[in-house]
Amino acid sequence: MASSPSPSPSDAALERVLTSYDTCYVWRYGSPSSALRELYAKAKRDQWDGASDLDWSIDVDPENPLLPAAINPLQGFAPYEKMNAREQIRVRQSQVSWQLSQFMHGEQGALIVASQLVSAVPFMDAKLYAASQTMDEARHVEVFSRYLSEKIEWEWPVNENLKRLLDGIIQDSRWDLKYLGMQILVEGLAMAAFANFHQLTSEKLLKDLIHLVMRDESRHVAFGVLSLQDYYAQMPAAELRDREDFVVSACELMRDRLIGEETADYFGFQREAYTQCMLASPILQLFRTQLFARVVPNLRRLGLLTPKVRGEFDRLGILQFEHADPAAQDAALGLA
């Protein structure tokens, strides 16, 4: 009997997850949601090409820090301070490449979820917009992948906690949970992280890349808010409790567990000490809190800032954003 062929490199990089959700035809092609139709029209107008609309001829020195030294969360961490200057540069490079890698992996998750929404959502305007978002997300994966491979020359695997969140969204059979998990939570958090990078980096190609991605992501978050508006108002208590639990657990995960322990392993840092340093860093505490500046007000708009969620958000120190204005944040970034 012939032996089975050995896995090829592409097989080794392939992972399958089992998904199950209802696929909906919609035979009414009218426009019950003018706001969604307008958003779809804007998405069509704002399409861009990562190959031609970004200047890939810009030379990027992968050893030249892309973020200011003043925001390094490992300042004062003894194993880091014992390194020579060259080694410290390598650590800082790892932090940026790790974060950009997670952006890229998150964009692939968004690509998959957007394609699922085309099938799963029960109204036509949302199908049309989700189709445009699928193209957006493909473009985002393309440009982050190219930047990492050609400019930074260092790519990290997906973080296990991010992967667990993405898996949960992709595998959930309920279409509203896909919206809630991706459009409201993951995309909302990504917008804040992108804005932080855009503000802090002086590297022109990365700044331009992130600005174009943010233009799309701003619409994606609006898509989630418009699609879920009023959806939770009459939801039975038991079903609403599932959404509350999901929101709290996802926010805890994104706030406290995406700190790059993989880079600690790479440099031989002790994981527990590294984690404690990162969680105690005032710089990182501020950044992790600011991630929720869009998530919290959008959850309030959807009626999901319930007493239970409010209590948990108060514990996490993010309830302060309850009355923040995402539209004003977009305008300040030149995205409106």
C-alpha atoms as a PDB file:
ATOM      1  CA  MET A   1       0.000   0.000   0.000  1.00  0.00           C
ATOM      2  CA  ALA A   2       1.328   3.404  -0.926  1.00  0.00           C
ATOM      3  CA  SER A   3       2.117   5.678   2.003  1.00  0.00           C
ATOM      4  CA  SER A   4       0.181   8.881   2.488  1.00  0.00           C
ATOM      5  CA  PRO A   5       1.917  11.956   1.131  1.00  0.00           C
ATOM      6  CA  SER A   6       3.723  14.107   3.667  1.00  0.00           C
ATOM      7  CA  PRO A   7       2.100  17.450   4.469  1.00  0.00           C
ATOM      8  CA  SER A   8       3.379  20.245   2.278  1.00  0.00           C
ATOM      9  CA  PRO A   9       4.401  23.584   3.823  1.00  0.00           C
ATOM     10  CA  SER A  10       1.044  25.029   2.771  1.00  0.00           C
ATOM     11  CA  ASP A  11      -0.747  22.200   4.606  1.00  0.00           C
ATOM     12  CA  ALA A  12       1.242  22.917   7.752  1.00  0.00           C
ATOM     13  CA  ALA A  13       0.088  26.538   7.643  1.00  0.00           C
ATOM     14  CA  LEU A  14      -3.543  25.570   7.122  1.00  0.00           C
ATOM     15  CA  GLU A  15      -6.051  25.188   9.947  1.00  0.00           C
ATOM     16  CA  ARG A  16      -9.685  24.156   9.663  1.00  0.00           C
ATOM     17  CA  VAL A  17     -12.455  25.072  12.096  1.00  0.00           C
ATOM     18  CA  LEU A  18     -15.973  23.674  11.983  1.00  0.00           C
ATOM     19  CA  THR A  19     -18.666  26.304  11.423  1.00  0.00           C
ATOM     20  CA  SER A  20     -22.438  26.047  11.354  1.00  0.00           C
ATOM     21  CA  TYR A  21     -24.958  28.817  10.737  1.00  0.00           C
ATOM     22  CA  ASP A  22     -28.101  29.379   8.726  1.00  0.00           C
ATOM     23  CA  THR A  23     -27.651  30.780   5.229  1.00  0.00           C
ATOM     24  CA  CYS A  24     -30.452  33.173   4.293  1.00  0.00           C
ATOM     25  CA  TYR A  25     -31.828  34.047   0.892  1.00  0.00           C
ATOM     26  CA  VAL A  26     -33.635  37.396   0.873  1.00  0.00           C
ATOM     27  CA  TRP A  27     -36.124  37.702  -1.972  1.00  0.00           C
ATOM     28  CA  ARG A  28     -37.086  41.294  -1.225  1.00  0.00           C
ATOM     29  CA  TYR A  29     -34.564  43.574  -2.918  1.00  0.00           C
ATOM     30  CA  GLY A  30     -35.914  46.938  -1.819  1.00  0.00           C
ATOM     31  CA  SER A  31     -34.119  49.253   0.588  1.00  0.00           C
ATOM     32  CA  PRO A  32     -35.707  49.145   4.050  1.00  0.00           C
ATOM     33  CA  SER A  33     -32.583  50.747   5.559  1.00  0.00           C
ATOM     34  CA  SER A  34     -31.546  53.950   3.823  1.00  0.00           C
ATOM     35  CA  ALA A  35     -28.658  54.383   6.276  1.00  0.00           C
ATOM     36  CA  LEU A  36     -27.176  50.997   5.365  1.00  0.00           C
ATOM     37  CA  ARG A  37     -27.647  51.666   1.659  1.00  0.00           C
ATOM     38  CA  GLU A  38     -25.839  55.001   2.046  1.00  0.00           C
ATOM     39  CA  LEU A  39     -23.005  53.266   3.885  1.00  0.00           C
ATOM     40  CA  TYR A  40     -22.758  50.728   1.053  1.00  0.00           C
ATOM     41  CA  ALA A  41     -22.574  53.570  -1.477  1.00  0.00           C
ATOM     42  CA  LYS A  42     -19.774  55.178   0.546  1.00  0.00           C
ATOM     43  CA  ALA A  43     -17.926  51.856   0.671  1.00  0.00           C
ATOM     44  CA  LYS A  44     -18.028  51.627  -3.122  1.00  0.00           C
ATOM     45  CA  ARG A  45     -16.756  55.190  -3.510  1.00  0.00           C
ATOM     46  CA  ASP A  46     -13.909  54.703  -1.018  1.00  0.00           C
ATOM     47  CA  GLN A  47     -12.313  51.577  -2.492  1.00  0.00           C
ATOM     48  CA  TRP A  48      -8.518  51.760  -2.788  1.00  0.00           C
ATOM     49  CA  ASP A  49      -5.710  49.580  -4.100  1.00  0.00           C
ATOM     50  CA  GLY A  50      -2.914  48.687  -1.702  1.00  0.00           C
ATOM     51  CA  ALA A  51      -0.511  48.062  -4.573  1.00  0.00           C
ATOM     52  CA  SER A  52      -0.905  51.479  -6.221  1.00  0.00           C
ATOM     53  CA  ASP A  53      -2.222  53.814  -3.506  1.00  0.00           C
ATOM     54  CA  LEU A  54       0.706  53.227  -1.150  1.00  0.00           C
ATOM     55  CA  ASP A  55       4.312  54.102  -1.941  1.00  0.00           C
ATOM     56  CA  TRP A  56       6.105  50.783  -1.464  1.00  0.00           C
ATOM     57  CA  SER A  57       9.357  52.326  -2.726  1.00  0.00           C
ATOM     58  CA  ILE A  58       9.794  54.008   0.680  1.00  0.00           C
ATOM     59  CA  ASP A  59      12.819  52.502   2.402  1.00  0.00           C
ATOM     60  CA  VAL A  60      12.060  51.228   5.917  1.00  0.00           C
ATOM     61  CA  ASP A  61      14.954  50.294   8.188  1.00  0.00           C
ATOM     62  CA  PRO A  62      13.631  47.373  10.279  1.00  0.00           C
ATOM     63  CA  GLU A  63      16.118  48.221  13.032  1.00  0.00           C
ATOM     64  CA  ASN A  64      15.034  51.841  13.261  1.00  0.00           C
ATOM     65  CA  PRO A  65      12.343  51.953  15.979  1.00  0.00           C
ATOM     66  CA  LEU A  66       8.920  52.683  14.515  1.00  0.00           C
ATOM     67  CA  LEU A  67       7.582  53.982  17.854  1.00  0.00           C
ATOM     68  CA  PRO A  68       9.187  56.501  20.264  1.00  0.00           C
ATOM     69  CA  ALA A  69      11.492  55.103  22.954  1.00  0.00           C
ATOM     70  CA  ALA A  70       9.509  56.986  25.598  1.00  0.00           C
ATOM     71  CA  ILE A  71       6.553  54.596  25.248  1.00  0.00           C
ATOM     72  CA  ASN A  72       8.600  51.422  25.742  1.00  0.00           C
ATOM     73  CA  PRO A  73       6.735  49.450  28.463  1.00  0.00           C
ATOM     74  CA  LEU A  74       9.864  47.441  29.354  1.00  0.00           C
ATOM     75  CA  GLN A  75      11.754  50.427  30.737  1.00  0.00           C
ATOM     76  CA  GLY A  76      12.967  49.395  34.187  1.00  0.00           C
ATOM     77  CA  PHE A  77      12.526  45.667  33.493  1.00  0.00           C
ATOM     78  CA  ALA A  78      15.820  44.226  34.771  1.00  0.00           C
ATOM     79  CA  PRO A  79      16.396  41.548  32.069  1.00  0.00           C
ATOM     80  CA  TYR A  80      15.795  44.176  29.386  1.00  0.00           C
ATOM     81  CA  GLU A  81      17.995  46.795  31.056  1.00  0.00           C
ATOM     82  CA  LYS A  82      20.884  44.284  31.184  1.00  0.00           C
ATOM     83  CA  MET A  83      20.866  43.947  27.392  1.00  0.00           C
ATOM     84  CA  ASN A  84      23.221  45.916  25.184  1.00  0.00           C
ATOM     85  CA  ALA A  85      21.868  48.621  22.876  1.00  0.00           C
ATOM     86  CA  ARG A  86      21.714  46.308  19.858  1.00  0.00           C
ATOM     87  CA  GLU A  87      19.732  43.692  21.778  1.00  0.00           C
ATOM     88  CA  GLN A  88      17.324  46.316  23.101  1.00  0.00           C
ATOM     89  CA  ILE A  89      16.658  47.524  19.564  1.00  0.00           C
ATOM     90  CA  ARG A  90      15.840  43.934  18.624  1.00  0.00           C
ATOM     91  CA  VAL A  91      13.361  43.699  21.514  1.00  0.00           C
ATOM     92  CA  ARG A  92      11.628  46.917  20.456  1.00  0.00           C
ATOM     93  CA  GLN A  93      11.496  45.660  16.879  1.00  0.00           C
ATOM     94  CA  SER A  94       9.864  42.459  18.136  1.00  0.00           C
ATOM     95  CA  GLN A  95       7.170  44.413  19.996  1.00  0.00           C
ATOM     96  CA  VAL A  96       6.148  46.351  16.885  1.00  0.00           C
ATOM     97  CA  SER A  97       6.308  43.346  14.552  1.00  0.00           C
ATOM     98  CA  TRP A  98       4.266  41.307  17.051  1.00  0.00           C
ATOM     99  CA  GLN A  99       1.566  43.994  17.229  1.00  0.00           C
ATOM    100  CA  LEU A 100       1.419  44.436  13.467  1.00  0.00           C
ATOM    101  CA  SER A 101       1.239  40.646  13.083  1.00  0.00           C
ATOM    102  CA  GLN A 102      -1.776  40.526  15.384  1.00  0.00           C
ATOM    103  CA  PHE A 103      -3.385  43.306  13.333  1.00  0.00           C
ATOM    104  CA  MET A 104      -2.877  41.147  10.245  1.00  0.00           C
ATOM    105  CA  HIS A 105      -4.286  38.007  11.879  1.00  0.00           C
ATOM    106  CA  GLY A 106      -7.265  39.971  13.181  1.00  0.00           C
ATOM    107  CA  GLU A 107      -7.910  41.233   9.663  1.00  0.00           C
ATOM    108  CA  GLN A 108      -8.029  37.644   8.397  1.00  0.00           C
ATOM    109  CA  GLY A 109     -10.578  36.872  11.102  1.00  0.00           C
ATOM    110  CA  ALA A 110     -12.598  39.896   9.964  1.00  0.00           C
ATOM    111  CA  LEU A 111     -12.331  38.692   6.353  1.00  0.00           C
ATOM    112  CA  ILE A 112     -13.830  35.335   7.300  1.00  0.00           C
ATOM    113  CA  VAL A 113     -16.610  36.851   9.422  1.00  0.00           C
ATOM    114  CA  ALA A 114     -17.552  39.395   6.735  1.00  0.00           C
ATOM    115  CA  SER A 115     -17.883  36.549   4.223  1.00  0.00           C
ATOM    116  CA  GLN A 116     -20.091  34.677   6.704  1.00  0.00           C
ATOM    117  CA  LEU A 117     -22.329  37.701   7.157  1.00  0.00           C
ATOM    118  CA  VAL A 118     -23.013  37.801   3.419  1.00  0.00           C
ATOM    119  CA  SER A 119     -24.685  34.405   3.876  1.00  0.00           C
ATOM    120  CA  ALA A 120     -26.084  34.719   7.374  1.00  0.00           C
ATOM    121  CA  VAL A 121     -27.695  38.152   7.667  1.00  0.00           C
ATOM    122  CA  PRO A 122     -31.460  38.157   6.988  1.00  0.00           C
ATOM    123  CA  PHE A 123     -31.709  41.511   5.162  1.00  0.00           C
ATOM    124  CA  MET A 124     -30.394  42.508   1.748  1.00  0.00           C
ATOM    125  CA  ASP A 125     -28.748  45.842   2.540  1.00  0.00           C
ATOM    126  CA  ALA A 126     -26.525  44.108   5.083  1.00  0.00           C
ATOM    127  CA  LYS A 127     -25.577  41.435   2.539  1.00  0.00           C
ATOM    128  CA  LEU A 128     -24.522  44.118   0.074  1.00  0.00           C
ATOM    129  CA  TYR A 129     -22.435  45.966   2.642  1.00  0.00           C
ATOM    130  CA  ALA A 130     -20.881  42.771   4.024  1.00  0.00           C
ATOM    131  CA  ALA A 131     -19.762  41.925   0.481  1.00  0.00           C
ATOM    132  CA  SER A 132     -17.948  45.269   0.253  1.00  0.00           C
ATOM    133  CA  GLN A 133     -16.400  44.715   3.668  1.00  0.00           C
ATOM    134  CA  THR A 134     -15.089  41.332   2.558  1.00  0.00           C
ATOM    135  CA  MET A 135     -13.100  43.129  -0.138  1.00  0.00           C
ATOM    136  CA  ASP A 136     -11.899  45.697   2.405  1.00  0.00           C
ATOM    137  CA  GLU A 137     -10.618  43.002   4.749  1.00  0.00           C
ATOM    138  CA  ALA A 138      -8.824  41.174   1.931  1.00  0.00           C
ATOM    139  CA  ARG A 139      -7.031  44.431   1.162  1.00  0.00           C
ATOM    140  CA  HIS A 140      -6.071  44.878   4.819  1.00  0.00           C
ATOM    141  CA  VAL A 141      -4.600  41.381   5.039  1.00  0.00           C
ATOM    142  CA  GLU A 142      -2.679  42.095   1.826  1.00  0.00           C
ATOM    143  CA  VAL A 143      -1.077  45.366   2.967  1.00  0.00           C
ATOM    144  CA  PHE A 144      -0.187  44.269   6.512  1.00  0.00           C
ATOM    145  CA  SER A 145       1.309  41.044   5.154  1.00  0.00           C
ATOM    146  CA  ARG A 146       3.352  42.916   2.580  1.00  0.00           C
ATOM    147  CA  TYR A 147       4.592  45.468   5.105  1.00  0.00           C
ATOM    148  CA  LEU A 148       5.668  42.741   7.528  1.00  0.00           C
ATOM    149  CA  SER A 149       7.397  40.612   4.910  1.00  0.00           C
ATOM    150  CA  GLU A 150       9.056  43.350   2.838  1.00  0.00           C
ATOM    151  CA  LYS A 151       9.754  46.101   5.374  1.00  0.00           C
ATOM    152  CA  ILE A 152       9.898  44.649   8.891  1.00  0.00           C
ATOM    153  CA  GLU A 153      11.003  41.158   7.810  1.00  0.00           C
ATOM    154  CA  TRP A 154       9.561  39.614  10.959  1.00  0.00           C
ATOM    155  CA  GLU A 155       6.146  37.995  11.311  1.00  0.00           C
ATOM    156  CA  TRP A 156       4.675  36.382  14.441  1.00  0.00           C
ATOM    157  CA  PRO A 157       2.027  33.646  14.718  1.00  0.00           C
ATOM    158  CA  VAL A 158      -1.436  34.538  15.929  1.00  0.00           C
ATOM    159  CA  ASN A 159      -1.650  35.037  19.681  1.00  0.00           C
ATOM    160  CA  GLU A 160      -3.547  32.169  21.333  1.00  0.00           C
ATOM    161  CA  ASN A 161      -5.968  34.518  23.118  1.00  0.00           C
ATOM    162  CA  LEU A 162      -6.775  36.466  19.968  1.00  0.00           C
ATOM    163  CA  LYS A 163      -7.203  33.151  18.145  1.00  0.00           C
ATOM    164  CA  ARG A 164      -9.635  31.925  20.798  1.00  0.00           C
ATOM    165  CA  LEU A 165     -11.759  35.063  20.413  1.00  0.00           C
ATOM    166  CA  LEU A 166     -11.726  34.856  16.607  1.00  0.00           C
ATOM    167  CA  ASP A 167     -12.635  31.157  16.717  1.00  0.00           C
ATOM    168  CA  GLY A 168     -15.570  31.885  19.002  1.00  0.00           C
ATOM    169  CA  ILE A 169     -16.955  34.524  16.646  1.00  0.00           C
ATOM    170  CA  ILE A 170     -16.399  32.464  13.496  1.00  0.00           C
ATOM    171  CA  GLN A 171     -17.932  29.301  14.970  1.00  0.00           C
ATOM    172  CA  ASP A 172     -20.964  30.924  16.614  1.00  0.00           C
ATOM    173  CA  SER A 173     -24.159  30.125  14.708  1.00  0.00           C
ATOM    174  CA  ARG A 174     -25.949  33.386  15.602  1.00  0.00           C
ATOM    175  CA  TRP A 175     -25.522  36.176  13.083  1.00  0.00           C
ATOM    176  CA  ASP A 176     -25.880  38.938  15.661  1.00  0.00           C
ATOM    177  CA  LEU A 177     -22.977  37.490  17.688  1.00  0.00           C
ATOM    178  CA  LYS A 178     -20.809  37.722  14.594  1.00  0.00           C
ATOM    179  CA  TYR A 179     -21.672  41.412  14.332  1.00  0.00           C
ATOM    180  CA  LEU A 180     -21.251  41.980  18.041  1.00  0.00           C
ATOM    181  CA  GLY A 181     -17.950  40.149  18.263  1.00  0.00           C
ATOM    182  CA  MET A 182     -16.322  41.481  15.122  1.00  0.00           C
ATOM    183  CA  GLN A 183     -17.896  44.812  14.137  1.00  0.00           C
ATOM    184  CA  ILE A 184     -18.465  46.210  17.625  1.00  0.00           C
ATOM    185  CA  LEU A 185     -15.712  44.639  19.747  1.00  0.00           C
ATOM    186  CA  VAL A 186     -12.755  43.543  17.606  1.00  0.00           C
ATOM    187  CA  GLU A 187     -13.085  46.300  14.988  1.00  0.00           C
ATOM    188  CA  GLY A 188     -13.810  48.923  17.640  1.00  0.00           C
ATOM    189  CA  LEU A 189     -10.707  47.945  19.598  1.00  0.00           C
ATOM    190  CA  ALA A 190      -8.651  47.803  16.408  1.00  0.00           C
ATOM    191  CA  MET A 191      -9.676  51.348  15.500  1.00  0.00           C
ATOM    192  CA  ALA A 192      -8.294  52.632  18.793  1.00  0.00           C
ATOM    193  CA  ALA A 193      -5.066  50.648  18.378  1.00  0.00           C
ATOM    194  CA  PHE A 194      -4.649  51.855  14.787  1.00  0.00           C
ATOM    195  CA  ALA A 195      -5.212  55.447  15.876  1.00  0.00           C
ATOM    196  CA  ASN A 196      -2.521  55.048  18.527  1.00  0.00           C
ATOM    197  CA  PHE A 197      -0.011  53.705  15.997  1.00  0.00           C
ATOM    198  CA  HIS A 198      -0.954  56.381  13.456  1.00  0.00           C
ATOM    199  CA  GLN A 199      -0.360  59.128  15.995  1.00  0.00           C
ATOM    200  CA  LEU A 200       2.916  57.791  17.354  1.00  0.00           C
ATOM    201  CA  THR A 201       4.826  56.504  14.338  1.00  0.00           C
ATOM    202  CA  SER A 202       6.822  58.819  12.091  1.00  0.00           C
ATOM    203  CA  GLU A 203       7.348  56.152   9.420  1.00  0.00           C
ATOM    204  CA  LYS A 204       5.441  57.460   6.396  1.00  0.00           C
ATOM    205  CA  LEU A 205       4.489  54.180   4.715  1.00  0.00           C
ATOM    206  CA  LEU A 206       3.098  52.701   7.928  1.00  0.00           C
ATOM    207  CA  LYS A 207       1.264  55.940   8.734  1.00  0.00           C
ATOM    208  CA  ASP A 208      -0.306  56.043   5.259  1.00  0.00           C
ATOM    209  CA  LEU A 209      -1.198  52.344   5.368  1.00  0.00           C
ATOM    210  CA  ILE A 210      -2.909  52.623   8.731  1.00  0.00           C
ATOM    211  CA  HIS A 211      -4.833  55.734   7.674  1.00  0.00           C
ATOM    212  CA  LEU A 212      -6.322  53.915   4.685  1.00  0.00           C
ATOM    213  CA  VAL A 213      -7.211  50.905   6.838  1.00  0.00           C
ATOM    214  CA  MET A 214      -8.853  53.151   9.434  1.00  0.00           C
ATOM    215  CA  ARG A 215     -11.056  54.745   6.768  1.00  0.00           C
ATOM    216  CA  ASP A 216     -12.510  51.323   6.062  1.00  0.00           C
ATOM    217  CA  GLU A 217     -12.699  50.208   9.677  1.00  0.00           C
ATOM    218  CA  SER A 218     -14.666  53.290  10.665  1.00  0.00           C
ATOM    219  CA  ARG A 219     -17.398  52.211   8.222  1.00  0.00           C
ATOM    220  CA  HIS A 220     -17.247  48.620   9.486  1.00  0.00           C
ATOM    221  CA  VAL A 221     -18.000  49.696  13.052  1.00  0.00           C
ATOM    222  CA  ALA A 222     -20.858  51.884  11.783  1.00  0.00           C
ATOM    223  CA  PHE A 223     -22.166  48.847   9.869  1.00  0.00           C
ATOM    224  CA  GLY A 224     -22.390  46.887  13.105  1.00  0.00           C
ATOM    225  CA  VAL A 225     -24.120  49.692  14.984  1.00  0.00           C
ATOM    226  CA  LEU A 226     -26.691  50.279  12.218  1.00  0.00           C
ATOM    227  CA  SER A 227     -27.394  46.570  11.758  1.00  0.00           C
ATOM    228  CA  LEU A 228     -27.890  45.828  15.458  1.00  0.00           C
ATOM    229  CA  GLN A 229     -29.789  49.007  16.299  1.00  0.00           C
ATOM    230  CA  ASP A 230     -32.904  48.106  18.323  1.00  0.00           C
ATOM    231  CA  TYR A 231     -32.140  44.372  17.936  1.00  0.00           C
ATOM    232  CA  TYR A 232     -31.562  43.781  21.647  1.00  0.00           C
ATOM    233  CA  ALA A 233     -34.441  45.888  22.961  1.00  0.00           C
ATOM    234  CA  GLN A 234     -36.980  43.024  23.031  1.00  0.00           C
ATOM    235  CA  MET A 235     -34.574  40.103  23.390  1.00  0.00           C
ATOM    236  CA  PRO A 236     -35.551  37.519  26.067  1.00  0.00           C
ATOM    237  CA  ALA A 237     -33.557  37.830  29.282  1.00  0.00           C
ATOM    238  CA  ALA A 238     -31.761  34.493  28.924  1.00  0.00           C
ATOM    239  CA  GLU A 239     -30.559  35.312  25.406  1.00  0.00           C
ATOM    240  CA  LEU A 240     -29.533  38.814  26.446  1.00  0.00           C
ATOM    241  CA  ARG A 241     -27.528  37.315  29.307  1.00  0.00           C
ATOM    242  CA  ASP A 242     -25.492  35.352  26.747  1.00  0.00           C
ATOM    243  CA  ARG A 243     -24.604  38.606  24.989  1.00  0.00           C
ATOM    244  CA  GLU A 244     -23.687  40.283  28.286  1.00  0.00           C
ATOM    245  CA  ASP A 245     -21.391  37.406  29.223  1.00  0.00           C
ATOM    246  CA  PHE A 246     -19.794  37.417  25.777  1.00  0.00           C
ATOM    247  CA  VAL A 247     -19.146  41.168  25.875  1.00  0.00           C
ATOM    248  CA  VAL A 248     -17.530  41.041  29.327  1.00  0.00           C
ATOM    249  CA  SER A 249     -15.347  37.994  28.638  1.00  0.00           C
ATOM    250  CA  ALA A 250     -14.185  39.369  25.273  1.00  0.00           C
ATOM    251  CA  CYS A 251     -13.291  42.747  26.785  1.00  0.00           C
ATOM    252  CA  GLU A 252     -11.388  41.117  29.647  1.00  0.00           C
ATOM    253  CA  LEU A 253      -9.445  39.007  27.189  1.00  0.00           C
ATOM    254  CA  MET A 254      -8.539  41.915  24.926  1.00  0.00           C
ATOM    255  CA  ARG A 255      -7.614  44.164  27.846  1.00  0.00           C
ATOM    256  CA  ASP A 256      -5.420  41.850  29.918  1.00  0.00           C
ATOM    257  CA  ARG A 257      -4.117  39.004  27.768  1.00  0.00           C
ATOM    258  CA  LEU A 258      -2.854  40.515  24.530  1.00  0.00           C
ATOM    259  CA  ILE A 259       0.540  41.605  25.809  1.00  0.00           C
ATOM    260  CA  GLY A 260       2.943  39.581  23.668  1.00  0.00           C
ATOM    261  CA  GLU A 261       4.260  36.831  25.909  1.00  0.00           C
ATOM    262  CA  GLU A 262       5.566  35.189  22.744  1.00  0.00           C
ATOM    263  CA  THR A 263       8.252  37.878  22.536  1.00  0.00           C
ATOM    264  CA  ALA A 264       9.239  37.104  26.129  1.00  0.00           C
ATOM    265  CA  ASP A 265       9.777  33.474  25.173  1.00  0.00           C
ATOM    266  CA  TYR A 266      11.858  34.471  22.152  1.00  0.00           C
ATOM    267  CA  PHE A 267      14.294  36.521  24.234  1.00  0.00           C
ATOM    268  CA  GLY A 268      14.378  34.135  27.178  1.00  0.00           C
ATOM    269  CA  PHE A 269      12.498  36.409  29.581  1.00  0.00           C
ATOM    270  CA  GLN A 270      10.598  34.669  32.362  1.00  0.00           C
ATOM    271  CA  ARG A 271       6.939  34.851  31.321  1.00  0.00           C
ATOM    272  CA  GLU A 272       5.437  35.688  34.696  1.00  0.00           C
ATOM    273  CA  ALA A 273       7.896  38.508  35.390  1.00  0.00           C
ATOM    274  CA  TYR A 274       7.429  39.858  31.864  1.00  0.00           C
ATOM    275  CA  THR A 275       3.648  39.773  32.200  1.00  0.00           C
ATOM    276  CA  GLN A 276       3.738  41.564  35.550  1.00  0.00           C
ATOM    277  CA  CYS A 277       5.996  44.252  34.070  1.00  0.00           C
ATOM    278  CA  MET A 278       3.706  44.780  31.096  1.00  0.00           C
ATOM    279  CA  LEU A 279       0.533  44.906  33.181  1.00  0.00           C
ATOM    280  CA  ALA A 280       2.143  47.339  35.648  1.00  0.00           C
ATOM    281  CA  SER A 281       3.478  49.675  32.965  1.00  0.00           C
ATOM    282  CA  PRO A 282       1.656  53.062  33.188  1.00  0.00           C
ATOM    283  CA  ILE A 283       2.120  53.476  29.450  1.00  0.00           C
ATOM    284  CA  LEU A 284       0.517  50.136  28.660  1.00  0.00           C
ATOM    285  CA  GLN A 285      -2.240  50.636  31.257  1.00  0.00           C
ATOM    286  CA  LEU A 286      -3.227  53.885  29.538  1.00  0.00           C
ATOM    287  CA  PHE A 287      -3.103  52.264  26.105  1.00  0.00           C
ATOM    288  CA  ARG A 288      -5.158  49.237  27.190  1.00  0.00           C
ATOM    289  CA  THR A 289      -7.792  51.500  28.722  1.00  0.00           C
ATOM    290  CA  GLN A 290      -8.013  53.794  25.687  1.00  0.00           C
ATOM    291  CA  LEU A 291      -8.721  50.773  23.468  1.00  0.00           C
ATOM    292  CA  PHE A 292     -12.328  50.909  24.681  1.00  0.00           C
ATOM    293  CA  ALA A 293     -13.073  54.525  23.771  1.00  0.00           C
ATOM    294  CA  ARG A 294     -15.288  53.368  20.881  1.00  0.00           C
ATOM    295  CA  VAL A 295     -16.524  50.049  22.215  1.00  0.00           C
ATOM    296  CA  VAL A 296     -18.241  51.341  25.347  1.00  0.00           C
ATOM    297  CA  PRO A 297     -20.346  54.143  23.757  1.00  0.00           C
ATOM    298  CA  ASN A 298     -21.373  51.857  20.888  1.00  0.00           C
ATOM    299  CA  LEU A 299     -22.521  49.177  23.330  1.00  0.00           C
ATOM    300  CA  ARG A 300     -24.551  51.876  25.085  1.00  0.00           C
ATOM    301  CA  ARG A 301     -26.180  52.806  21.757  1.00  0.00           C
ATOM    302  CA  LEU A 302     -27.137  49.154  21.246  1.00  0.00           C
ATOM    303  CA  GLY A 303     -28.684  48.851  24.703  1.00  0.00           C
ATOM    304  CA  LEU A 304     -25.985  46.429  25.888  1.00  0.00           C
ATOM    305  CA  LEU A 305     -24.532  48.648  28.595  1.00  0.00           C
ATOM    306  CA  THR A 306     -26.828  46.866  31.040  1.00  0.00           C
ATOM    307  CA  PRO A 307     -26.419  47.070  34.824  1.00  0.00           C
ATOM    308  CA  LYS A 308     -24.403  43.847  34.751  1.00  0.00           C
ATOM    309  CA  VAL A 309     -22.099  45.061  31.971  1.00  0.00           C
ATOM    310  CA  ARG A 310     -21.780  48.491  33.581  1.00  0.00           C
ATOM    311  CA  GLY A 311     -20.620  46.893  36.829  1.00  0.00           C
ATOM    312  CA  GLU A 312     -18.014  44.782  35.041  1.00  0.00           C
ATOM    313  CA  PHE A 313     -16.808  47.717  32.958  1.00  0.00           C
ATOM    314  CA  ASP A 314     -16.477  49.809  36.108  1.00  0.00           C
ATOM    315  CA  ARG A 315     -14.288  47.046  37.558  1.00  0.00           C
ATOM    316  CA  LEU A 316     -12.184  47.042  34.372  1.00  0.00           C
ATOM    317  CA  GLY A 317     -11.828  50.826  34.517  1.00  0.00           C
ATOM    318  CA  ILE A 318     -13.411  51.477  31.114  1.00  0.00           C
ATOM    319  CA  LEU A 319     -16.872  52.785  32.028  1.00  0.00           C
ATOM    320  CA  GLN A 320     -15.507  56.321  31.715  1.00  0.00           C
ATOM    321  CA  PHE A 321     -16.017  56.122  27.937  1.00  0.00           C
ATOM    322  CA  GLU A 322     -19.789  55.646  28.203  1.00  0.00           C
ATOM    323  CA  HIS A 323     -20.574  59.033  26.688  1.00  0.00           C
ATOM    324  CA  ALA A 324     -17.628  59.303  24.298  1.00  0.00           C
ATOM    325  CA  ASP A 325     -18.439  60.256  20.703  1.00  0.00           C
ATOM    326  CA  PRO A 326     -16.989  57.874  18.072  1.00  0.00           C
ATOM    327  CA  ALA A 327     -18.080  60.218  15.258  1.00  0.00           C
ATOM    328  CA  ALA A 328     -16.049  63.035  16.802  1.00  0.00           C
ATOM    329  CA  GLN A 329     -13.094  60.679  17.162  1.00  0.00           C
ATOM    330  CA  ASP A 330     -13.331  59.866  13.451  1.00  0.00           C
ATOM    331  CA  ALA A 331     -13.506  63.551  12.551  1.00  0.00           C
ATOM    332  CA  ALA A 332     -10.405  64.282  14.635  1.00  0.00           C
ATOM    333  CA  LEU A 333      -8.543  61.608  12.652  1.00  0.00           C
ATOM    334  CA  GLY A 334      -9.736  62.996   9.319  1.00  0.00           C
ATOM    335  CA  LEU A 335     -11.965  59.975   8.647  1.00  0.00           C
ATOM    336  CA  ALA A 336     -15.409  61.582   8.651  1.00  0.00           C
END
